[in-house]
Amino acid sequence: MPEVQARGLIEMMSHAHPSSRLEACLLPQSWKRSTLKHLAIDDIVVFPTKEAKVVLLDEADNVVSCGRYGLLRDLPSILIEEGRDDTWSHIDSKKYRSLKVSLGTISSPAPERGEILSLEREGGCEAILYRERRLLACADLVQLDGHLALHIREVV
């Protein structure tokens, strides 16, 4: 009897779809550890880039696709530009730290190039900062002198 149940479970799992939720994150940037220690509400953290490039990560933080963040009809969205890319790398040293900046999730198991997907956010934050899978802060995305920046709303 257990063998029949095991075979039934294996058959059922082979037809189950993997999780279709992908997390949209900004490309990692190096931040000074001293900046992170003194992170406070209303701080502005400026990225060296003018573009909001993102990677879509699966549950194991593997890059599934790359794209750009933007607004479509006033809704946060991701334009898929290319397939898998290896631009997701962390730099951790005595002086610098890489943070995961999550913009939300999308519901698509295999996004295709040129597709525009709506972004779902949790808790009303535009961006959530994580350090080693631990929530660090919530922020809003802003432009400062043409550069992408984070306006810190809440520090955990």
N, C-alpha and C. Protein backbone atom coordinates (compact mmCIF):
# COMPACT_ATOMS: atom_id res chain seq x y z
N MET A 1 0.80 -1.21 0.00
CA MET A 1 0.00 0.00 0.00
C MET A 1 0.85 1.28 0.00
N PRO A 2 1.90 1.38 0.84
CA PRO A 2 2.72 2.59 0.82
C PRO A 2 3.38 2.81 -0.54
N GLU A 3 3.75 1.72 -1.24
CA GLU A 3 4.38 1.86 -2.56
C GLU A 3 3.42 2.50 -3.56
N VAL A 4 2.15 2.13 -3.48
CA VAL A 4 1.14 2.69 -4.38
C VAL A 4 0.97 4.18 -4.08
N GLN A 5 0.94 4.53 -2.80
CA GLN A 5 0.81 5.94 -2.42
C GLN A 5 2.02 6.75 -2.87
N ALA A 6 3.22 6.16 -2.74
CA ALA A 6 4.44 6.85 -3.16
C ALA A 6 4.44 7.08 -4.66
N ARG A 7 4.03 6.06 -5.44
CA ARG A 7 3.97 6.22 -6.89
C ARG A 7 2.94 7.28 -7.27
N GLY A 8 1.81 7.29 -6.57
CA GLY A 8 0.77 8.30 -6.83
C GLY A 8 1.28 9.70 -6.54
N LEU A 9 2.03 9.86 -5.45
CA LEU A 9 2.60 11.15 -5.09
C LEU A 9 3.62 11.61 -6.13
N ILE A 10 4.48 10.69 -6.57
CA ILE A 10 5.47 11.03 -7.59
C ILE A 10 4.79 11.46 -8.88
N GLU A 11 3.75 10.75 -9.29
CA GLU A 11 3.01 11.09 -10.49
C GLU A 11 2.37 12.47 -10.36
N MET A 12 1.78 12.76 -9.19
CA MET A 12 1.13 14.04 -8.97
C MET A 12 2.16 15.18 -9.00
N MET A 13 3.31 14.98 -8.39
CA MET A 13 4.34 16.02 -8.35
C MET A 13 4.96 16.27 -9.72
N SER A 14 5.00 15.25 -10.57
CA SER A 14 5.57 15.45 -11.90
C SER A 14 4.69 16.34 -12.76
N HIS A 15 3.39 16.42 -12.44
CA HIS A 15 2.48 17.28 -13.18
C HIS A 15 2.30 18.64 -12.52
N ALA A 16 2.80 18.80 -11.30
CA ALA A 16 2.66 20.08 -10.61
C ALA A 16 3.63 21.10 -11.20
N HIS A 17 3.18 22.32 -11.34
CA HIS A 17 4.03 23.39 -11.86
C HIS A 17 4.90 23.94 -10.74
N PRO A 18 6.16 24.26 -11.05
CA PRO A 18 6.99 24.90 -10.02
C PRO A 18 6.40 26.26 -9.68
N SER A 19 6.86 26.82 -8.59
CA SER A 19 6.36 28.12 -8.15
C SER A 19 6.51 29.13 -9.28
N SER A 20 5.46 29.87 -9.52
CA SER A 20 5.50 30.83 -10.62
C SER A 20 5.74 32.25 -10.11
N ARG A 21 6.12 32.40 -8.86
CA ARG A 21 6.40 33.71 -8.30
C ARG A 21 7.88 34.00 -8.44
N LEU A 22 8.18 35.11 -9.07
CA LEU A 22 9.56 35.55 -9.23
C LEU A 22 9.73 36.90 -8.55
N GLU A 23 10.85 37.08 -7.90
CA GLU A 23 11.12 38.33 -7.20
C GLU A 23 11.94 39.26 -8.09
N ALA A 24 11.48 40.50 -8.22
CA ALA A 24 12.18 41.51 -9.02
C ALA A 24 13.10 42.31 -8.09
N CYS A 25 14.39 42.27 -8.37
CA CYS A 25 15.38 42.97 -7.54
C CYS A 25 16.26 43.86 -8.40
N LEU A 26 16.63 45.01 -7.85
CA LEU A 26 17.61 45.87 -8.52
C LEU A 26 18.94 45.13 -8.56
N LEU A 27 19.75 45.46 -9.56
CA LEU A 27 21.09 44.87 -9.60
C LEU A 27 21.83 45.25 -8.32
N PRO A 28 22.57 44.33 -7.73
CA PRO A 28 23.23 44.65 -6.46
C PRO A 28 24.28 45.74 -6.62
N GLN A 29 24.32 46.60 -5.64
CA GLN A 29 25.29 47.69 -5.57
C GLN A 29 26.10 47.52 -4.30
N SER A 30 27.34 47.98 -4.33
CA SER A 30 28.19 47.93 -3.14
C SER A 30 27.90 49.13 -2.25
N TRP A 31 27.59 48.87 -1.01
CA TRP A 31 27.33 49.93 -0.03
C TRP A 31 28.37 49.82 1.08
N LYS A 32 28.85 50.97 1.53
CA LYS A 32 29.81 50.96 2.64
C LYS A 32 29.10 50.44 3.90
N ARG A 33 29.81 49.62 4.64
CA ARG A 33 29.23 49.08 5.88
C ARG A 33 28.87 50.21 6.85
N SER A 34 29.67 51.27 6.86
CA SER A 34 29.39 52.38 7.77
C SER A 34 28.05 53.04 7.41
N THR A 35 27.70 53.09 6.12
CA THR A 35 26.42 53.65 5.69
C THR A 35 25.28 52.80 6.25
N LEU A 36 25.45 51.50 6.21
CA LEU A 36 24.40 50.60 6.69
C LEU A 36 24.22 50.67 8.20
N LYS A 37 25.32 50.88 8.93
CA LYS A 37 25.23 50.97 10.39
C LYS A 37 24.46 52.20 10.83
N HIS A 38 24.55 53.28 10.05
CA HIS A 38 23.93 54.54 10.42
C HIS A 38 22.69 54.85 9.57
N LEU A 39 22.13 53.85 8.92
CA LEU A 39 20.94 54.02 8.09
C LEU A 39 19.78 54.49 8.96
N ALA A 40 19.13 55.57 8.54
CA ALA A 40 18.05 56.15 9.34
C ALA A 40 16.89 56.58 8.43
N ILE A 41 15.75 56.82 9.05
CA ILE A 41 14.57 57.29 8.32
C ILE A 41 14.90 58.62 7.64
N ASP A 42 14.41 58.78 6.41
CA ASP A 42 14.61 59.96 5.55
C ASP A 42 15.99 60.05 4.92
N ASP A 43 16.85 59.05 5.12
CA ASP A 43 18.11 59.01 4.40
C ASP A 43 17.83 58.80 2.92
N ILE A 44 18.70 59.34 2.08
CA ILE A 44 18.63 59.13 0.64
C ILE A 44 19.90 58.38 0.23
N VAL A 45 19.73 57.22 -0.38
CA VAL A 45 20.86 56.43 -0.85
C VAL A 45 20.83 56.46 -2.37
N VAL A 46 21.86 57.05 -2.98
CA VAL A 46 21.90 57.23 -4.43
C VAL A 46 22.68 56.08 -5.08
N PHE A 47 22.10 55.53 -6.14
CA PHE A 47 22.77 54.51 -6.92
C PHE A 47 23.60 55.19 -8.00
N PRO A 48 24.70 54.59 -8.42
CA PRO A 48 25.53 55.23 -9.44
C PRO A 48 24.91 55.16 -10.84
N THR A 49 23.78 54.53 -10.99
CA THR A 49 23.16 54.35 -12.30
C THR A 49 21.92 55.21 -12.46
N LYS A 50 21.57 55.50 -13.71
CA LYS A 50 20.37 56.27 -14.00
C LYS A 50 19.21 55.35 -14.37
N GLU A 51 19.51 54.09 -14.65
CA GLU A 51 18.50 53.14 -15.09
C GLU A 51 18.15 52.17 -13.97
N ALA A 52 16.90 51.74 -13.97
CA ALA A 52 16.44 50.78 -12.97
C ALA A 52 16.45 49.38 -13.59
N LYS A 53 17.65 48.83 -13.76
CA LYS A 53 17.76 47.46 -14.27
C LYS A 53 17.44 46.50 -13.13
N VAL A 54 16.73 45.44 -13.49
CA VAL A 54 16.35 44.45 -12.49
C VAL A 54 16.66 43.04 -12.97
N VAL A 55 16.75 42.15 -12.01
CA VAL A 55 16.84 40.72 -12.30
C VAL A 55 15.63 40.07 -11.66
N LEU A 56 15.13 39.02 -12.28
CA LEU A 56 14.05 38.24 -11.71
C LEU A 56 14.65 36.98 -11.11
N LEU A 57 14.38 36.76 -9.82
CA LEU A 57 14.98 35.65 -9.10
C LEU A 57 13.92 34.62 -8.72
N ASP A 58 14.30 33.35 -8.78
CA ASP A 58 13.40 32.31 -8.29
C ASP A 58 13.58 32.18 -6.78
N GLU A 59 12.94 31.19 -6.19
CA GLU A 59 12.98 31.05 -4.72
C GLU A 59 14.37 30.77 -4.18
N ALA A 60 15.26 30.23 -5.02
CA ALA A 60 16.62 29.93 -4.60
C ALA A 60 17.59 31.06 -4.96
N ASP A 61 17.07 32.23 -5.32
CA ASP A 61 17.87 33.40 -5.72
C ASP A 61 18.70 33.16 -6.98
N ASN A 62 18.22 32.30 -7.86
CA ASN A 62 18.85 32.11 -9.17
C ASN A 62 18.22 33.08 -10.16
N VAL A 63 19.03 33.67 -11.03
CA VAL A 63 18.53 34.62 -12.02
C VAL A 63 17.77 33.85 -13.10
N VAL A 64 16.51 34.26 -13.32
CA VAL A 64 15.67 33.65 -14.34
C VAL A 64 15.63 34.53 -15.57
N SER A 65 15.60 35.85 -15.37
CA SER A 65 15.49 36.79 -16.48
C SER A 65 15.94 38.17 -16.02
N CYS A 66 16.13 39.07 -16.99
CA CYS A 66 16.53 40.45 -16.69
C CYS A 66 15.58 41.42 -17.38
N GLY A 67 15.49 42.62 -16.84
CA GLY A 67 14.61 43.61 -17.44
C GLY A 67 14.82 44.99 -16.86
N ARG A 68 13.81 45.84 -17.08
CA ARG A 68 13.85 47.22 -16.56
C ARG A 68 12.56 47.51 -15.81
N TYR A 69 12.71 48.26 -14.75
CA TYR A 69 11.57 48.69 -13.96
C TYR A 69 11.01 49.98 -14.54
N GLY A 70 9.69 50.11 -14.51
CA GLY A 70 9.06 51.34 -14.97
C GLY A 70 7.59 51.35 -14.60
N LEU A 71 6.90 52.41 -14.98
CA LEU A 71 5.47 52.52 -14.72
C LEU A 71 4.71 52.40 -16.04
N LEU A 72 3.70 51.57 -16.05
CA LEU A 72 2.82 51.43 -17.21
C LEU A 72 1.41 51.70 -16.71
N ARG A 73 0.82 52.79 -17.20
CA ARG A 73 -0.50 53.24 -16.74
C ARG A 73 -0.50 53.42 -15.21
N ASP A 74 0.57 54.02 -14.71
CA ASP A 74 0.76 54.30 -13.28
C ASP A 74 0.87 53.04 -12.42
N LEU A 75 1.11 51.89 -13.03
CA LEU A 75 1.31 50.65 -12.28
C LEU A 75 2.77 50.22 -12.41
N PRO A 76 3.40 49.84 -11.29
CA PRO A 76 4.78 49.37 -11.37
C PRO A 76 4.85 48.11 -12.23
N SER A 77 5.79 48.11 -13.18
CA SER A 77 5.89 47.01 -14.13
C SER A 77 7.35 46.71 -14.46
N ILE A 78 7.55 45.53 -15.04
CA ILE A 78 8.87 45.11 -15.48
C ILE A 78 8.78 44.78 -16.97
N LEU A 79 9.68 45.37 -17.76
CA LEU A 79 9.81 45.05 -19.18
C LEU A 79 10.93 44.02 -19.29
N ILE A 80 10.59 42.82 -19.74
CA ILE A 80 11.58 41.76 -19.88
C ILE A 80 12.43 42.05 -21.11
N GLU A 81 13.75 42.11 -20.90
CA GLU A 81 14.66 42.44 -21.99
C GLU A 81 15.47 41.27 -22.49
N GLU A 82 15.86 40.42 -21.60
CA GLU A 82 16.71 39.31 -22.01
C GLU A 82 16.50 38.15 -21.06
N GLY A 83 17.01 37.01 -21.48
CA GLY A 83 16.91 35.81 -20.66
C GLY A 83 17.89 35.85 -19.52
N ARG A 84 18.25 34.73 -19.08
CA ARG A 84 19.12 34.58 -17.93
C ARG A 84 20.44 35.30 -18.13
N ASP A 85 20.91 35.92 -17.06
CA ASP A 85 22.16 36.67 -17.09
C ASP A 85 22.87 36.43 -15.77
N ASP A 86 24.16 36.50 -15.76
CA ASP A 86 24.92 36.26 -14.54
C ASP A 86 25.38 37.55 -13.88
N THR A 87 24.56 38.60 -13.93
CA THR A 87 24.93 39.88 -13.33
C THR A 87 24.61 39.93 -11.84
N TRP A 88 24.00 38.90 -11.31
CA TRP A 88 23.62 38.88 -9.89
C TRP A 88 24.78 38.35 -9.08
N SER A 89 25.58 39.24 -8.54
CA SER A 89 26.71 38.82 -7.72
C SER A 89 26.80 39.73 -6.51
N HIS A 90 27.24 39.16 -5.43
CA HIS A 90 27.35 39.91 -4.18
C HIS A 90 28.80 40.21 -3.87
N ILE A 91 29.04 41.39 -3.32
CA ILE A 91 30.38 41.77 -2.89
C ILE A 91 30.30 42.01 -1.39
N ASP A 92 30.92 41.14 -0.64
CA ASP A 92 30.97 41.30 0.80
C ASP A 92 32.43 41.34 1.22
N SER A 93 32.81 42.41 1.88
CA SER A 93 34.18 42.55 2.35
C SER A 93 34.16 43.30 3.68
N LYS A 94 35.32 43.63 4.17
CA LYS A 94 35.39 44.38 5.43
C LYS A 94 34.82 45.78 5.28
N LYS A 95 34.93 46.36 4.06
CA LYS A 95 34.50 47.73 3.86
C LYS A 95 33.15 47.84 3.16
N TYR A 96 32.84 46.90 2.26
CA TYR A 96 31.63 47.00 1.45
C TYR A 96 30.70 45.81 1.67
N ARG A 97 29.43 46.06 1.37
CA ARG A 97 28.39 45.05 1.53
C ARG A 97 27.40 45.19 0.38
N SER A 98 26.91 44.09 -0.13
CA SER A 98 25.86 44.11 -1.15
C SER A 98 24.54 43.79 -0.50
N LEU A 99 23.52 44.56 -0.85
CA LEU A 99 22.19 44.33 -0.31
C LEU A 99 21.26 43.89 -1.42
N LYS A 100 20.27 43.13 -1.04
CA LYS A 100 19.22 42.73 -1.97
C LYS A 100 18.12 43.78 -1.85
N VAL A 101 17.81 44.45 -2.96
CA VAL A 101 16.77 45.48 -2.98
C VAL A 101 15.61 44.93 -3.80
N SER A 102 14.58 44.46 -3.10
CA SER A 102 13.43 43.84 -3.75
C SER A 102 12.38 44.89 -4.09
N LEU A 103 11.88 44.83 -5.33
CA LEU A 103 10.85 45.77 -5.77
C LEU A 103 9.46 45.13 -5.74
N GLY A 104 9.39 43.83 -5.53
CA GLY A 104 8.12 43.10 -5.50
C GLY A 104 8.23 41.79 -6.24
N THR A 105 7.09 41.20 -6.55
CA THR A 105 7.06 39.92 -7.24
C THR A 105 6.18 39.98 -8.48
N ILE A 106 6.42 39.05 -9.37
CA ILE A 106 5.56 38.89 -10.54
C ILE A 106 5.09 37.44 -10.58
N SER A 107 3.99 37.22 -11.25
CA SER A 107 3.42 35.88 -11.38
C SER A 107 3.60 35.39 -12.80
N SER A 108 4.76 34.86 -13.09
CA SER A 108 5.03 34.33 -14.42
C SER A 108 6.15 33.30 -14.30
N PRO A 109 5.89 32.05 -14.66
CA PRO A 109 6.93 31.03 -14.51
C PRO A 109 8.08 31.20 -15.50
N ALA A 110 7.80 31.70 -16.71
CA ALA A 110 8.84 31.84 -17.73
C ALA A 110 8.59 33.10 -18.56
N PRO A 111 8.99 34.28 -18.04
CA PRO A 111 8.76 35.51 -18.80
C PRO A 111 9.55 35.52 -20.10
N GLU A 112 8.95 36.09 -21.14
CA GLU A 112 9.59 36.15 -22.45
C GLU A 112 10.00 37.57 -22.79
N ARG A 113 11.02 37.69 -23.62
CA ARG A 113 11.54 38.99 -24.04
C ARG A 113 10.43 39.84 -24.65
N GLY A 114 10.37 41.12 -24.24
CA GLY A 114 9.36 42.04 -24.75
C GLY A 114 8.08 42.05 -23.94
N GLU A 115 7.92 41.10 -23.07
CA GLU A 115 6.72 41.02 -22.24
C GLU A 115 6.79 42.07 -21.13
N ILE A 116 5.65 42.68 -20.83
CA ILE A 116 5.57 43.65 -19.73
C ILE A 116 4.69 43.03 -18.66
N LEU A 117 5.24 42.89 -17.47
CA LEU A 117 4.55 42.22 -16.38
C LEU A 117 4.30 43.17 -15.22
N SER A 118 3.11 43.11 -14.66
CA SER A 118 2.77 43.95 -13.50
C SER A 118 3.48 43.42 -12.27
N LEU A 119 3.90 44.36 -11.46
CA LEU A 119 4.62 44.04 -10.23
C LEU A 119 3.67 44.08 -9.05
N GLU A 120 3.75 43.08 -8.20
CA GLU A 120 2.93 43.04 -6.98
C GLU A 120 3.83 43.39 -5.80
N ARG A 121 3.33 44.29 -4.96
CA ARG A 121 4.12 44.72 -3.80
C ARG A 121 3.44 44.31 -2.52
N GLU A 122 4.27 44.10 -1.51
CA GLU A 122 3.75 43.75 -0.19
C GLU A 122 3.98 44.90 0.78
N GLY A 123 3.02 45.17 1.60
CA GLY A 123 3.18 46.15 2.66
C GLY A 123 3.26 47.59 2.22
N GLY A 124 2.99 47.89 0.97
CA GLY A 124 2.98 49.27 0.51
C GLY A 124 4.35 49.89 0.27
N CYS A 125 5.42 49.15 0.45
CA CYS A 125 6.76 49.67 0.20
C CYS A 125 7.12 49.50 -1.27
N GLU A 126 7.78 50.50 -1.83
CA GLU A 126 8.25 50.38 -3.21
C GLU A 126 9.49 49.51 -3.30
N ALA A 127 10.32 49.56 -2.28
CA ALA A 127 11.56 48.77 -2.26
C ALA A 127 11.80 48.27 -0.84
N ILE A 128 12.24 47.03 -0.75
CA ILE A 128 12.56 46.44 0.54
C ILE A 128 14.01 46.00 0.50
N LEU A 129 14.79 46.44 1.48
CA LEU A 129 16.21 46.12 1.54
C LEU A 129 16.42 44.94 2.48
N TYR A 130 17.17 43.95 1.98
CA TYR A 130 17.50 42.77 2.78
C TYR A 130 19.01 42.65 2.89
N ARG A 131 19.46 42.22 4.06
CA ARG A 131 20.87 41.87 4.26
C ARG A 131 20.89 40.43 4.75
N GLU A 132 21.44 39.55 3.92
CA GLU A 132 21.51 38.12 4.24
C GLU A 132 20.14 37.57 4.63
N ARG A 133 19.14 37.84 3.78
CA ARG A 133 17.75 37.37 3.94
C ARG A 133 17.04 37.95 5.16
N ARG A 134 17.65 38.97 5.78
CA ARG A 134 17.02 39.62 6.93
C ARG A 134 16.56 41.02 6.52
N LEU A 135 15.31 41.34 6.83
CA LEU A 135 14.76 42.65 6.49
C LEU A 135 15.56 43.75 7.17
N LEU A 136 15.97 44.74 6.39
CA LEU A 136 16.78 45.84 6.92
C LEU A 136 15.99 47.15 6.91
N ALA A 137 15.30 47.44 5.79
CA ALA A 137 14.59 48.71 5.68
C ALA A 137 13.58 48.68 4.54
N CYS A 138 12.63 49.63 4.60
CA CYS A 138 11.67 49.85 3.52
C CYS A 138 11.96 51.24 2.95
N ALA A 139 11.78 51.37 1.63
CA ALA A 139 12.13 52.64 0.99
C ALA A 139 11.23 52.93 -0.20
N ASP A 140 11.29 54.18 -0.65
CA ASP A 140 10.61 54.59 -1.88
C ASP A 140 11.68 54.82 -2.93
N LEU A 141 11.35 54.52 -4.19
CA LEU A 141 12.25 54.81 -5.30
C LEU A 141 12.07 56.26 -5.72
N VAL A 142 13.16 56.98 -5.84
CA VAL A 142 13.11 58.38 -6.25
C VAL A 142 14.22 58.65 -7.25
N GLN A 143 14.13 59.80 -7.93
CA GLN A 143 15.18 60.26 -8.82
C GLN A 143 15.88 61.44 -8.15
N LEU A 144 17.18 61.44 -8.17
CA LEU A 144 17.96 62.54 -7.61
C LEU A 144 19.06 62.89 -8.60
N ASP A 145 18.96 64.08 -9.17
CA ASP A 145 19.91 64.52 -10.19
C ASP A 145 20.02 63.50 -11.33
N GLY A 146 18.90 62.91 -11.70
CA GLY A 146 18.86 61.96 -12.81
C GLY A 146 19.30 60.55 -12.44
N HIS A 147 19.67 60.34 -11.19
CA HIS A 147 20.10 59.02 -10.74
C HIS A 147 19.01 58.37 -9.90
N LEU A 148 18.98 57.06 -9.95
CA LEU A 148 18.06 56.29 -9.14
C LEU A 148 18.51 56.36 -7.68
N ALA A 149 17.56 56.54 -6.78
CA ALA A 149 17.89 56.63 -5.35
C ALA A 149 16.79 55.99 -4.52
N LEU A 150 17.11 55.66 -3.29
CA LEU A 150 16.17 55.12 -2.33
C LEU A 150 15.97 56.13 -1.21
N HIS A 151 14.72 56.46 -0.92
CA HIS A 151 14.39 57.32 0.21
C HIS A 151 13.91 56.39 1.31
N ILE A 152 14.68 56.25 2.38
CA ILE A 152 14.39 55.30 3.45
C ILE A 152 13.18 55.78 4.25
N ARG A 153 12.15 54.93 4.32
CA ARG A 153 10.92 55.23 5.05
C ARG A 153 10.90 54.59 6.44
N GLU A 154 11.50 53.42 6.54
CA GLU A 154 11.44 52.68 7.80
C GLU A 154 12.69 51.82 7.92
N VAL A 155 13.30 51.81 9.09
CA VAL A 155 14.46 50.98 9.36
C VAL A 155 14.05 49.95 10.41
N VAL A 156 14.38 48.71 10.15
CA VAL A 156 13.98 47.62 11.07
C VAL A 156 15.11 47.32 12.01
